């Protein structure tokens, strides 16, 4: 059975979200797994439903789509973001691409085009609505060309283990949390430390703070004396 693309819709208009749900309901390749009316709400709900793609509006109250995109693409689950907007201003489009969006499609696009954009982005491609200059995508890609950070190479499981270790969890606690056996977590921990070039938990915590994986307060609490046995 073919796996469906898990889609999350973020737009401040409830009627528009309902319309998106309705048009995708007839397509067997896509499943709407959640929705939100603003960026803050989206970030919290995405953690619960783990979508493949977030269909994101730009103009919303509270946290707008641009800031939400930046936060989402930096998260451990790394869903892709496809901007769906009324605005076709080149500067705004470029800012969204620079923020990490995988594409930008206009709200007046026909459903077939929207479906193609979702499928294309899901496969790892970049998409711009017809009429949006290709040079914007090339300019954004040019800006992003840089030596890859070690953190970019970490898998989703690496990042989860890193976060839990930095927060003070033991190997056994991590194994229970991630539903893995202890040896798999021990091996994962060793592999993780090798990848990020750290040698002890203090260095690991400092790394997690620099990468904004944990807040300083939570990392600080992990350094307090504990009665748990060391992993």
Protein backbone atom coordinates (compact mmCIF):
# COMPACT_ATOMS: atom_id res chain seq x y z
CA UNK A 1 0.00 0.00 0.00
CA UNK A 2 1.38 3.38 -0.99
CA UNK A 3 2.27 5.70 1.88
CA UNK A 4 0.30 8.95 1.96
CA UNK A 5 1.96 12.35 2.18
CA UNK A 6 1.12 13.80 5.60
CA UNK A 7 0.08 17.43 5.11
CA UNK A 8 -0.43 20.11 7.77
CA UNK A 9 -2.34 23.32 6.93
CA UNK A 10 -1.55 26.64 8.63
CA UNK A 11 -3.81 29.58 7.72
CA UNK A 12 -5.73 32.06 9.86
CA UNK A 13 -8.95 31.65 7.86
CA UNK A 14 -11.00 28.65 9.00
CA UNK A 15 -13.01 28.59 5.77
CA UNK A 16 -9.84 28.43 3.70
CA UNK A 17 -8.52 25.53 5.80
CA UNK A 18 -11.84 23.75 5.35
CA UNK A 19 -11.56 24.27 1.59
CA UNK A 20 -8.07 22.78 1.51
CA UNK A 21 -9.29 19.76 3.49
CA UNK A 22 -12.18 19.32 1.08
CA UNK A 23 -10.13 19.38 -2.11
CA UNK A 24 -7.49 16.99 -0.80
CA UNK A 25 -10.10 14.58 0.57
CA UNK A 26 -10.62 13.16 -2.92
CA UNK A 27 -6.91 12.51 -3.48
CA UNK A 28 -5.55 9.15 -2.23
CA UNK A 29 -1.93 10.32 -2.09
CA UNK A 30 -2.36 13.03 0.57
CA UNK A 31 -3.70 12.98 4.13
CA UNK A 32 -4.42 16.15 6.14
CA UNK A 33 -3.04 15.34 9.60
CA UNK A 34 -3.58 18.69 11.30
CA UNK A 35 -4.18 22.40 11.01
CA UNK A 36 -3.54 25.68 12.83
CA UNK A 37 -4.59 29.31 12.65
CA UNK A 38 -1.19 30.91 13.38
CA UNK A 39 2.50 30.14 13.65
CA UNK A 40 2.62 29.53 17.39
CA UNK A 41 -0.25 27.07 17.23
CA UNK A 42 1.34 25.33 14.24
CA UNK A 43 4.67 24.78 15.96
CA UNK A 44 3.00 23.11 18.95
CA UNK A 45 0.68 20.90 16.90
CA UNK A 46 3.37 19.85 14.42
CA UNK A 47 5.27 18.27 17.32
CA UNK A 48 2.28 16.01 17.89
CA UNK A 49 1.38 14.93 14.35
CA UNK A 50 4.81 14.93 12.57
CA UNK A 51 3.73 15.99 9.05
CA UNK A 52 5.86 15.60 5.94
CA UNK A 53 4.86 19.01 4.58
CA UNK A 54 3.42 22.16 6.13
CA UNK A 55 1.25 24.26 3.83
CA UNK A 56 1.93 27.71 5.28
CA UNK A 57 0.22 31.09 4.87
CA UNK A 58 2.40 34.20 5.33
CA UNK A 59 0.12 36.87 6.81
CA UNK A 60 -1.27 35.68 10.14
CA UNK A 61 -1.80 37.22 13.59
CA UNK A 62 0.76 36.46 16.28
CA UNK A 63 3.69 34.59 14.74
CA UNK A 64 3.55 35.07 10.98
CA UNK A 65 4.36 32.44 8.37
CA UNK A 66 7.88 33.68 7.74
CA UNK A 67 8.98 33.35 11.35
CA UNK A 68 7.10 30.07 11.75
CA UNK A 69 8.88 28.67 8.69
CA UNK A 70 12.26 29.47 10.20
CA UNK A 71 11.31 27.75 13.45
CA UNK A 72 9.78 24.69 11.77
CA UNK A 73 12.64 23.88 9.39
CA UNK A 74 15.10 24.09 12.30
CA UNK A 75 13.13 21.61 14.41
CA UNK A 76 14.24 18.05 15.00
CA UNK A 77 11.44 16.59 12.87
CA UNK A 78 12.31 18.77 9.91
CA UNK A 79 9.05 18.86 7.93
CA UNK A 80 9.25 20.72 4.64
CA UNK A 81 7.35 24.00 4.29
CA UNK A 82 5.42 25.02 1.17
CA UNK A 83 4.23 28.63 1.28
CA UNK A 84 0.68 29.20 0.01
CA UNK A 85 0.00 32.92 -0.26
CA UNK A 86 -1.95 35.67 -2.01
CA UNK A 87 1.17 37.83 -2.26
CA UNK A 88 3.50 37.63 -5.25
CA UNK A 89 6.06 40.26 -4.21
CA UNK A 90 9.55 39.14 -5.17
CA UNK A 91 11.13 40.38 -1.95
CA UNK A 92 8.66 38.43 0.19
CA UNK A 93 9.10 35.27 -1.88
CA UNK A 94 12.88 35.49 -1.56
CA UNK A 95 12.63 36.01 2.20
CA UNK A 96 10.46 32.90 2.52
CA UNK A 97 12.91 30.84 0.49
CA UNK A 98 15.82 32.17 2.54
CA UNK A 99 13.91 31.22 5.70
CA UNK A 100 13.94 27.61 4.53
CA UNK A 101 10.70 27.18 2.59
CA UNK A 102 10.87 24.50 -0.11
CA UNK A 103 8.46 26.31 -2.37
CA UNK A 104 6.02 29.16 -2.91
CA UNK A 105 2.64 28.78 -4.59
CA UNK A 106 -0.07 31.39 -5.07
CA UNK A 107 -3.56 30.85 -3.67
CA UNK A 108 -5.21 31.31 -7.06
CA UNK A 109 -3.45 28.21 -8.39
CA UNK A 110 -5.66 25.34 -9.60
CA UNK A 111 -5.78 22.20 -7.45
CA UNK A 112 -3.76 20.15 -9.94
CA UNK A 113 -0.90 22.63 -9.59
CA UNK A 114 -1.11 22.62 -5.78
CA UNK A 115 -1.10 18.82 -5.72
CA UNK A 116 1.91 18.73 -8.03
CA UNK A 117 3.73 21.25 -5.80
CA UNK A 118 3.06 19.13 -2.68
CA UNK A 119 4.25 15.95 -4.39
CA UNK A 120 7.30 17.69 -5.87
CA UNK A 121 8.37 19.16 -2.53
CA UNK A 122 7.76 15.81 -0.80
CA UNK A 123 10.24 14.21 -3.21
CA UNK A 124 12.87 16.80 -2.25
CA UNK A 125 12.36 19.34 -5.01
CA UNK A 126 11.82 23.10 -4.94
CA UNK A 127 8.69 24.65 -6.41
CA UNK A 128 7.64 28.12 -7.52
CA UNK A 129 4.30 29.05 -9.08
CA UNK A 130 4.44 29.76 -12.82
CA UNK A 131 5.05 33.47 -13.26
CA UNK A 132 7.40 33.76 -10.30
CA UNK A 133 10.90 34.41 -11.69
CA UNK A 134 13.18 31.36 -11.54
CA UNK A 135 16.03 33.71 -10.66
CA UNK A 136 14.57 34.06 -7.16
CA UNK A 137 15.07 30.37 -6.51
CA UNK A 138 18.55 30.47 -8.00
CA UNK A 139 19.42 33.50 -5.86
CA UNK A 140 18.18 31.74 -2.73
CA UNK A 141 20.10 28.56 -3.54
CA UNK A 142 23.23 30.61 -4.21
CA UNK A 143 22.96 32.22 -0.77
CA UNK A 144 22.60 28.83 0.87
CA UNK A 145 25.78 27.40 -0.65
CA UNK A 146 28.15 27.07 2.31
CA UNK A 147 30.23 24.39 4.01
CA UNK A 148 27.79 21.99 5.67
CA UNK A 149 27.64 22.11 9.43
CA UNK A 150 28.15 18.80 11.21
CA UNK A 151 24.69 19.27 12.67
CA UNK A 152 23.19 19.09 9.18
CA UNK A 153 24.37 15.48 8.93
CA UNK A 154 22.58 14.27 12.07
CA UNK A 155 19.63 11.95 11.60
CA UNK A 156 16.28 12.47 13.28
CA UNK A 157 17.17 9.82 15.88
CA UNK A 158 20.59 11.43 16.48
CA UNK A 159 18.87 14.72 17.28
CA UNK A 160 16.35 13.14 19.62
CA UNK A 161 19.11 11.34 21.52
CA UNK A 162 21.16 14.54 21.63
CA UNK A 163 18.26 16.54 23.05
CA UNK A 164 17.44 13.95 25.71
CA UNK A 165 21.08 13.55 26.74
CA UNK A 166 21.51 17.32 27.00
CA UNK A 167 18.39 17.51 29.17
CA UNK A 168 19.93 15.01 31.59
CA UNK A 169 18.23 11.73 30.63
CA UNK A 170 20.13 8.47 31.15
CA UNK A 171 20.62 5.90 28.42
CA UNK A 172 17.94 3.67 29.98
CA UNK A 173 15.47 6.56 30.14
CA UNK A 174 16.17 7.44 26.51
CA UNK A 175 15.69 3.81 25.47
CA UNK A 176 12.30 3.79 27.21
CA UNK A 177 11.29 7.15 25.74
CA UNK A 178 12.25 6.25 22.15
CA UNK A 179 11.14 2.59 22.44
CA UNK A 180 14.65 1.33 21.66
CA UNK A 181 16.82 -1.24 23.41
CA UNK A 182 19.60 0.04 25.65
CA UNK A 183 22.40 -1.16 23.39
CA UNK A 184 20.94 0.72 20.42
CA UNK A 185 20.93 3.94 22.47
CA UNK A 186 24.46 3.31 23.77
CA UNK A 187 25.68 2.78 20.22
CA UNK A 188 23.70 5.82 19.07
CA UNK A 189 25.22 7.94 21.82
CA UNK A 190 28.76 6.89 20.88
CA UNK A 191 28.09 7.51 17.19
CA UNK A 192 26.52 10.89 17.96
CA UNK A 193 29.48 12.06 20.05
CA UNK A 194 31.83 10.99 17.27
CA UNK A 195 29.83 12.91 14.66
CA UNK A 196 29.74 16.17 16.64
CA UNK A 197 33.30 15.77 17.94
CA UNK A 198 32.59 15.88 21.68
CA UNK A 199 34.07 13.67 24.37
CA UNK A 200 31.86 14.03 27.43
CA UNK A 201 28.40 15.17 28.52
CA UNK A 202 29.53 18.71 29.40
CA UNK A 203 30.76 19.27 25.85
CA UNK A 204 27.57 17.68 24.54
CA UNK A 205 25.39 20.05 26.60
CA UNK A 206 27.40 23.05 25.41
CA UNK A 207 26.95 21.89 21.82
CA UNK A 208 23.19 21.51 22.33
CA UNK A 209 22.98 25.03 23.76
CA UNK A 210 24.93 26.52 20.84
CA UNK A 211 22.63 24.79 18.38
CA UNK A 212 19.57 25.95 20.36
CA UNK A 213 18.43 22.35 20.80
CA UNK A 214 17.88 22.95 24.50
CA UNK A 215 17.29 26.12 26.44
CA UNK A 216 19.94 27.24 28.86
CA UNK A 217 17.64 26.71 31.84
CA UNK A 218 16.87 23.10 30.97
CA UNK A 219 20.51 22.37 30.18
CA UNK A 220 21.55 23.98 33.43
CA UNK A 221 19.20 21.76 35.39
CA UNK A 222 20.75 18.67 33.80
CA UNK A 223 24.06 19.53 35.44
CA UNK A 224 22.58 19.44 38.95
CA UNK A 225 23.50 16.48 41.17
CA UNK A 226 21.28 13.48 40.50
CA UNK A 227 20.65 10.26 42.34
CA UNK A 228 20.25 8.38 39.10
CA UNK A 229 22.97 5.98 38.07
CA UNK A 230 25.14 7.28 35.27
CA UNK A 231 24.61 5.67 31.89
